[in-house]
Amino acid sequence: MKYSVFIATSVDGFIAREDGSIDWLDNAGNKDADMGEHADMGFNAFIKSVDCMIMGRNTMEILSQFNLSPDQWPYGDLPIFVLSRTLKTLPENVTSKMTLWSGGIEDLIAKLNNENFQHGYIDGGQTIQSFIDLRLVNQLVLTRAPILLGKGIPLFTGNEETTQDIKLEHASAIAYPNNFVQERYKVRYD
């Protein structure tokens, strides 16, 4: 099974402020830019390429706070698994859209493989780091917002599991009219 990351960061590598807020995404870039056919910066094509999503509790909680209507929900009917060992239930507004998973990542992977899923979307800082530590991420799509936060929650935290360099290859980048830059990499574990 293939696992991909599609996430926005500040230029200095943060995915959220220290309090978890992502309000800076709405303030970054040139709002008056004509995005033409790139209005979604590749998100819709990416979502069509995956058949499930795995996110962490913090990411789910931020998404739940948006209280999106069915018309605003960006994931369609995509099966979404929320990793949490502490939650007993999901917030009511996302209960029908997500499945809570309290087991380990390896058990979830076995379930997804048994159910013939092919391509998973990994979202949330800790979840992304865990999948990288397990050497499961195959593709990184990083969209850099033209803003420096100075401090916050970094995308890559590194830990004792990441004991050697992880090489990125087949790089490509797109600079969008709104001053966001999207980088794509294949991940290679030696």
C-alpha atoms as a PDB file:
ATOM      1  CA  MET A   1       0.000   0.000   0.000  1.00  0.00           C
ATOM      2  CA  LYS A   2       1.170   3.511  -0.805  1.00  0.00           C
ATOM      3  CA  TYR A   3       1.046   6.337   1.777  1.00  0.00           C
ATOM      4  CA  SER A   4       1.253  10.019   0.881  1.00  0.00           C
ATOM      5  CA  VAL A   5       1.428  13.291   2.785  1.00  0.00           C
ATOM      6  CA  PHE A   6      -0.241  16.451   1.472  1.00  0.00           C
ATOM      7  CA  ILE A   7       0.201  19.316   3.934  1.00  0.00           C
ATOM      8  CA  ALA A   8       0.808  23.050   4.195  1.00  0.00           C
ATOM      9  CA  THR A   9       3.616  24.557   6.246  1.00  0.00           C
ATOM     10  CA  SER A  10       5.000  28.004   6.861  1.00  0.00           C
ATOM     11  CA  VAL A  11       8.277  28.690   5.057  1.00  0.00           C
ATOM     12  CA  ASP A  12      10.045  28.020   8.366  1.00  0.00           C
ATOM     13  CA  GLY A  13       8.453  24.574   8.621  1.00  0.00           C
ATOM     14  CA  PHE A  14       5.559  24.971  11.064  1.00  0.00           C
ATOM     15  CA  ILE A  15       2.153  23.343  10.524  1.00  0.00           C
ATOM     16  CA  ALA A  16       0.410  25.269  13.315  1.00  0.00           C
ATOM     17  CA  ARG A  17       0.961  27.880  15.963  1.00  0.00           C
ATOM     18  CA  GLU A  18       1.924  26.644  19.439  1.00  0.00           C
ATOM     19  CA  ASP A  19      -1.788  26.613  20.394  1.00  0.00           C
ATOM     20  CA  GLY A  20      -2.629  24.475  17.336  1.00  0.00           C
ATOM     21  CA  SER A  21      -4.161  27.357  15.375  1.00  0.00           C
ATOM     22  CA  ILE A  22      -3.811  27.421  11.590  1.00  0.00           C
ATOM     23  CA  ASP A  23      -5.320  30.896  11.144  1.00  0.00           C
ATOM     24  CA  TRP A  24      -2.117  32.032   9.437  1.00  0.00           C
ATOM     25  CA  LEU A  25      -3.052  29.985   6.356  1.00  0.00           C
ATOM     26  CA  ASP A  26      -5.937  32.379   5.694  1.00  0.00           C
ATOM     27  CA  ASN A  27      -3.643  35.398   5.980  1.00  0.00           C
ATOM     28  CA  ALA A  28      -0.683  34.172   3.923  1.00  0.00           C
ATOM     29  CA  GLY A  29      -0.094  34.901   0.268  1.00  0.00           C
ATOM     30  CA  ASN A  30      -1.580  37.194  -2.307  1.00  0.00           C
ATOM     31  CA  LYS A  31      -5.368  36.989  -1.912  1.00  0.00           C
ATOM     32  CA  ASP A  32      -5.912  38.949  -5.136  1.00  0.00           C
ATOM     33  CA  ALA A  33      -3.917  36.539  -7.304  1.00  0.00           C
ATOM     34  CA  ASP A  34      -5.711  34.952 -10.235  1.00  0.00           C
ATOM     35  CA  MET A  35      -5.242  31.249  -9.484  1.00  0.00           C
ATOM     36  CA  GLY A  36      -7.022  30.138 -12.657  1.00  0.00           C
ATOM     37  CA  GLU A  37      -7.041  26.359 -12.897  1.00  0.00           C
ATOM     38  CA  HIS A  38      -4.831  26.117  -9.777  1.00  0.00           C
ATOM     39  CA  ALA A  39      -7.385  27.437  -7.264  1.00  0.00           C
ATOM     40  CA  ASP A  40      -7.139  24.270  -5.140  1.00  0.00           C
ATOM     41  CA  MET A  41      -3.341  23.929  -5.545  1.00  0.00           C
ATOM     42  CA  GLY A  42      -3.712  20.276  -6.573  1.00  0.00           C
ATOM     43  CA  PHE A  43      -5.792  19.159  -3.593  1.00  0.00           C
ATOM     44  CA  ASN A  44      -8.791  17.807  -5.537  1.00  0.00           C
ATOM     45  CA  ALA A  45      -6.604  15.695  -7.839  1.00  0.00           C
ATOM     46  CA  PHE A  46      -4.725  14.396  -4.809  1.00  0.00           C
ATOM     47  CA  ILE A  47      -7.942  13.461  -2.962  1.00  0.00           C
ATOM     48  CA  LYS A  48      -9.140  11.577  -6.049  1.00  0.00           C
ATOM     49  CA  SER A  49      -5.901   9.542  -5.979  1.00  0.00           C
ATOM     50  CA  VAL A  50      -6.375   8.205  -2.426  1.00  0.00           C
ATOM     51  CA  ASP A  51      -8.878   5.713  -1.092  1.00  0.00           C
ATOM     52  CA  CYS A  52      -8.539   6.347   2.662  1.00  0.00           C
ATOM     53  CA  MET A  53      -7.179   8.918   5.101  1.00  0.00           C
ATOM     54  CA  ILE A  54      -5.400   8.536   8.436  1.00  0.00           C
ATOM     55  CA  MET A  55      -5.105  11.487  10.788  1.00  0.00           C
ATOM     56  CA  GLY A  56      -4.256  12.145  14.388  1.00  0.00           C
ATOM     57  CA  ARG A  57      -6.572  13.344  17.118  1.00  0.00           C
ATOM     58  CA  ASN A  58      -5.299  16.939  17.055  1.00  0.00           C
ATOM     59  CA  THR A  59      -5.926  17.243  13.310  1.00  0.00           C
ATOM     60  CA  MET A  60      -9.414  15.802  13.733  1.00  0.00           C
ATOM     61  CA  GLU A  61     -10.183  18.274  16.527  1.00  0.00           C
ATOM     62  CA  ILE A  62      -9.140  21.241  14.382  1.00  0.00           C
ATOM     63  CA  LEU A  63     -11.233  19.926  11.489  1.00  0.00           C
ATOM     64  CA  SER A  64     -14.196  19.383  13.811  1.00  0.00           C
ATOM     65  CA  GLN A  65     -13.960  23.000  15.045  1.00  0.00           C
ATOM     66  CA  PHE A  66     -14.561  24.239  11.492  1.00  0.00           C
ATOM     67  CA  ASN A  67     -18.039  22.641  11.743  1.00  0.00           C
ATOM     68  CA  LEU A  68     -18.195  22.220   7.968  1.00  0.00           C
ATOM     69  CA  SER A  69     -21.498  21.688   6.202  1.00  0.00           C
ATOM     70  CA  PRO A  70     -21.826  18.676   3.867  1.00  0.00           C
ATOM     71  CA  ASP A  71     -21.194  21.028   0.903  1.00  0.00           C
ATOM     72  CA  GLN A  72     -17.976  22.296   2.513  1.00  0.00           C
ATOM     73  CA  TRP A  73     -16.617  18.863   3.492  1.00  0.00           C
ATOM     74  CA  PRO A  74     -13.464  18.430   1.338  1.00  0.00           C
ATOM     75  CA  TYR A  75     -13.105  14.650   1.606  1.00  0.00           C
ATOM     76  CA  GLY A  76     -16.357  13.366   0.101  1.00  0.00           C
ATOM     77  CA  ASP A  77     -17.059   9.785   1.207  1.00  0.00           C
ATOM     78  CA  LEU A  78     -13.380   8.991   1.800  1.00  0.00           C
ATOM     79  CA  PRO A  79     -12.986   6.603   4.761  1.00  0.00           C
ATOM     80  CA  ILE A  80     -11.117   8.522   7.486  1.00  0.00           C
ATOM     81  CA  PHE A  81      -9.421   6.836  10.438  1.00  0.00           C
ATOM     82  CA  VAL A  82      -8.551   8.959  13.485  1.00  0.00           C
ATOM     83  CA  LEU A  83      -5.675   7.670  15.627  1.00  0.00           C
ATOM     84  CA  SER A  84      -6.164   8.176  19.357  1.00  0.00           C
ATOM     85  CA  ARG A  85      -5.457   6.061  22.395  1.00  0.00           C
ATOM     86  CA  THR A  86      -7.290   8.472  24.721  1.00  0.00           C
ATOM     87  CA  LEU A  87     -10.551   9.399  22.975  1.00  0.00           C
ATOM     88  CA  LYS A  88     -13.593   7.220  23.566  1.00  0.00           C
ATOM     89  CA  THR A  89     -15.854   8.956  21.025  1.00  0.00           C
ATOM     90  CA  LEU A  90     -15.546  11.458  18.201  1.00  0.00           C
ATOM     91  CA  PRO A  91     -17.256  14.872  18.253  1.00  0.00           C
ATOM     92  CA  GLU A  92     -20.846  14.563  17.067  1.00  0.00           C
ATOM     93  CA  ASN A  93     -20.303  16.678  13.929  1.00  0.00           C
ATOM     94  CA  VAL A  94     -17.721  14.214  12.520  1.00  0.00           C
ATOM     95  CA  THR A  95     -19.008  10.901  13.903  1.00  0.00           C
ATOM     96  CA  SER A  96     -20.607   9.864  10.613  1.00  0.00           C
ATOM     97  CA  LYS A  97     -17.528  10.860   8.593  1.00  0.00           C
ATOM     98  CA  MET A  98     -14.698   9.293  10.600  1.00  0.00           C
ATOM     99  CA  THR A  99     -13.776   6.117  12.429  1.00  0.00           C
ATOM    100  CA  LEU A 100     -11.910   6.236  15.723  1.00  0.00           C
ATOM    101  CA  TRP A 101      -8.898   3.883  15.858  1.00  0.00           C
ATOM    102  CA  SER A 102      -7.369   3.197  19.283  1.00  0.00           C
ATOM    103  CA  GLY A 103      -5.077   0.348  18.209  1.00  0.00           C
ATOM    104  CA  GLY A 104      -1.553   0.591  16.906  1.00  0.00           C
ATOM    105  CA  ILE A 105      -0.571   1.788  13.452  1.00  0.00           C
ATOM    106  CA  GLU A 106       0.644  -1.684  12.464  1.00  0.00           C
ATOM    107  CA  ASP A 107      -2.804  -3.131  13.254  1.00  0.00           C
ATOM    108  CA  LEU A 108      -4.503  -0.404  11.214  1.00  0.00           C
ATOM    109  CA  ILE A 109      -2.167  -1.094   8.289  1.00  0.00           C
ATOM    110  CA  ALA A 110      -3.048  -4.782   8.453  1.00  0.00           C
ATOM    111  CA  LYS A 111      -6.766  -3.898   8.436  1.00  0.00           C
ATOM    112  CA  LEU A 112      -6.350  -1.561   5.446  1.00  0.00           C
ATOM    113  CA  ASN A 113      -4.363  -4.187   3.543  1.00  0.00           C
ATOM    114  CA  ASN A 114      -6.967  -6.856   4.316  1.00  0.00           C
ATOM    115  CA  GLU A 115      -9.695  -4.528   3.019  1.00  0.00           C
ATOM    116  CA  ASN A 116      -7.702  -3.911  -0.202  1.00  0.00           C
ATOM    117  CA  PHE A 117      -7.066  -0.209   0.268  1.00  0.00           C
ATOM    118  CA  GLN A 118      -4.360   1.012  -2.114  1.00  0.00           C
ATOM    119  CA  HIS A 119      -3.386   4.602  -1.277  1.00  0.00           C
ATOM    120  CA  GLY A 120      -3.622   6.315   2.097  1.00  0.00           C
ATOM    121  CA  TYR A 121      -3.488  10.035   2.822  1.00  0.00           C
ATOM    122  CA  ILE A 122      -1.587  10.729   6.051  1.00  0.00           C
ATOM    123  CA  ASP A 123      -2.339  14.012   7.843  1.00  0.00           C
ATOM    124  CA  GLY A 124      -1.269  15.599  11.119  1.00  0.00           C
ATOM    125  CA  GLY A 125       2.215  16.244  12.431  1.00  0.00           C
ATOM    126  CA  GLN A 126       2.545  13.385  14.912  1.00  0.00           C
ATOM    127  CA  THR A 127       0.848  10.931  12.579  1.00  0.00           C
ATOM    128  CA  ILE A 128       3.098  11.913   9.670  1.00  0.00           C
ATOM    129  CA  GLN A 129       6.185  11.546  11.882  1.00  0.00           C
ATOM    130  CA  SER A 130       4.995   8.108  13.058  1.00  0.00           C
ATOM    131  CA  PHE A 131       4.493   6.890   9.477  1.00  0.00           C
ATOM    132  CA  ILE A 132       7.922   8.237   8.493  1.00  0.00           C
ATOM    133  CA  ASP A 133       9.488   6.521  11.517  1.00  0.00           C
ATOM    134  CA  LEU A 134       7.888   3.269  10.355  1.00  0.00           C
ATOM    135  CA  ARG A 135       9.261   3.952   6.841  1.00  0.00           C
ATOM    136  CA  LEU A 136       5.811   3.942   5.296  1.00  0.00           C
ATOM    137  CA  VAL A 137       5.488   7.351   3.616  1.00  0.00           C
ATOM    138  CA  ASN A 138       6.126   7.078  -0.137  1.00  0.00           C
ATOM    139  CA  GLN A 139       5.356  10.637  -1.269  1.00  0.00           C
ATOM    140  CA  LEU A 140       5.537  14.086   0.331  1.00  0.00           C
ATOM    141  CA  VAL A 141       3.609  17.048  -1.048  1.00  0.00           C
ATOM    142  CA  LEU A 142       4.542  20.135   0.966  1.00  0.00           C
ATOM    143  CA  THR A 143       2.852  23.430   0.202  1.00  0.00           C
ATOM    144  CA  ARG A 144       4.871  26.291   1.671  1.00  0.00           C
ATOM    145  CA  ALA A 145       2.784  29.301   2.665  1.00  0.00           C
ATOM    146  CA  PRO A 146       4.660  32.589   2.225  1.00  0.00           C
ATOM    147  CA  ILE A 147       4.845  33.404   5.917  1.00  0.00           C
ATOM    148  CA  LEU A 148       7.402  33.028   8.712  1.00  0.00           C
ATOM    149  CA  LEU A 149       5.867  32.114  12.069  1.00  0.00           C
ATOM    150  CA  GLY A 150       9.069  32.021  14.105  1.00  0.00           C
ATOM    151  CA  LYS A 151       7.667  29.389  16.434  1.00  0.00           C
ATOM    152  CA  GLY A 152       4.937  26.809  16.463  1.00  0.00           C
ATOM    153  CA  ILE A 153       4.422  23.108  15.888  1.00  0.00           C
ATOM    154  CA  PRO A 154       7.005  21.827  13.388  1.00  0.00           C
ATOM    155  CA  LEU A 155       6.079  19.323  10.705  1.00  0.00           C
ATOM    156  CA  PHE A 156       9.148  17.206  11.307  1.00  0.00           C
ATOM    157  CA  THR A 157      10.113  16.672  14.908  1.00  0.00           C
ATOM    158  CA  GLY A 158      12.558  13.808  14.561  1.00  0.00           C
ATOM    159  CA  ASN A 159      13.067  11.363  17.402  1.00  0.00           C
ATOM    160  CA  GLU A 160      15.041   8.270  18.294  1.00  0.00           C
ATOM    161  CA  GLU A 161      13.183   6.265  15.631  1.00  0.00           C
ATOM    162  CA  THR A 162      14.622   8.476  12.863  1.00  0.00           C
ATOM    163  CA  THR A 163      18.184   7.263  13.241  1.00  0.00           C
ATOM    164  CA  GLN A 164      19.420   7.793   9.703  1.00  0.00           C
ATOM    165  CA  ASP A 165      18.931  10.177   6.836  1.00  0.00           C
ATOM    166  CA  ILE A 166      15.822   9.766   4.735  1.00  0.00           C
ATOM    167  CA  LYS A 167      16.431  10.716   1.127  1.00  0.00           C
ATOM    168  CA  LEU A 168      13.940  12.599  -1.007  1.00  0.00           C
ATOM    169  CA  GLU A 169      14.109  12.274  -4.781  1.00  0.00           C
ATOM    170  CA  HIS A 170      12.266  13.017  -8.030  1.00  0.00           C
ATOM    171  CA  ALA A 171      11.669  16.540  -6.746  1.00  0.00           C
ATOM    172  CA  SER A 172       9.379  18.969  -8.509  1.00  0.00           C
ATOM    173  CA  ALA A 173       8.000  22.338  -7.496  1.00  0.00           C
ATOM    174  CA  ILE A 174       5.285  24.728  -8.569  1.00  0.00           C
ATOM    175  CA  ALA A 175       5.196  28.409  -7.639  1.00  0.00           C
ATOM    176  CA  TYR A 176       1.566  29.523  -7.590  1.00  0.00           C
ATOM    177  CA  PRO A 177       0.393  33.066  -8.379  1.00  0.00           C
ATOM    178  CA  ASN A 178      -0.575  33.573  -4.708  1.00  0.00           C
ATOM    179  CA  ASN A 179       3.108  33.094  -3.716  1.00  0.00           C
ATOM    180  CA  PHE A 180       2.630  29.597  -2.257  1.00  0.00           C
ATOM    181  CA  VAL A 181       5.205  27.046  -3.419  1.00  0.00           C
ATOM    182  CA  GLN A 182       4.371  23.356  -3.624  1.00  0.00           C
ATOM    183  CA  GLU A 183       7.164  20.796  -3.457  1.00  0.00           C
ATOM    184  CA  ARG A 184       6.697  17.125  -4.368  1.00  0.00           C
ATOM    185  CA  TYR A 185       9.103  14.373  -3.402  1.00  0.00           C
ATOM    186  CA  LYS A 186       9.332  10.599  -3.535  1.00  0.00           C
ATOM    187  CA  VAL A 187      10.665   9.203  -0.256  1.00  0.00           C
ATOM    188  CA  ARG A 188      13.480   6.687  -0.331  1.00  0.00           C
ATOM    189  CA  TYR A 189      14.530   4.619   2.663  1.00  0.00           C
ATOM    190  CA  ASP A 190      17.965   3.050   2.242  1.00  0.00           C
END
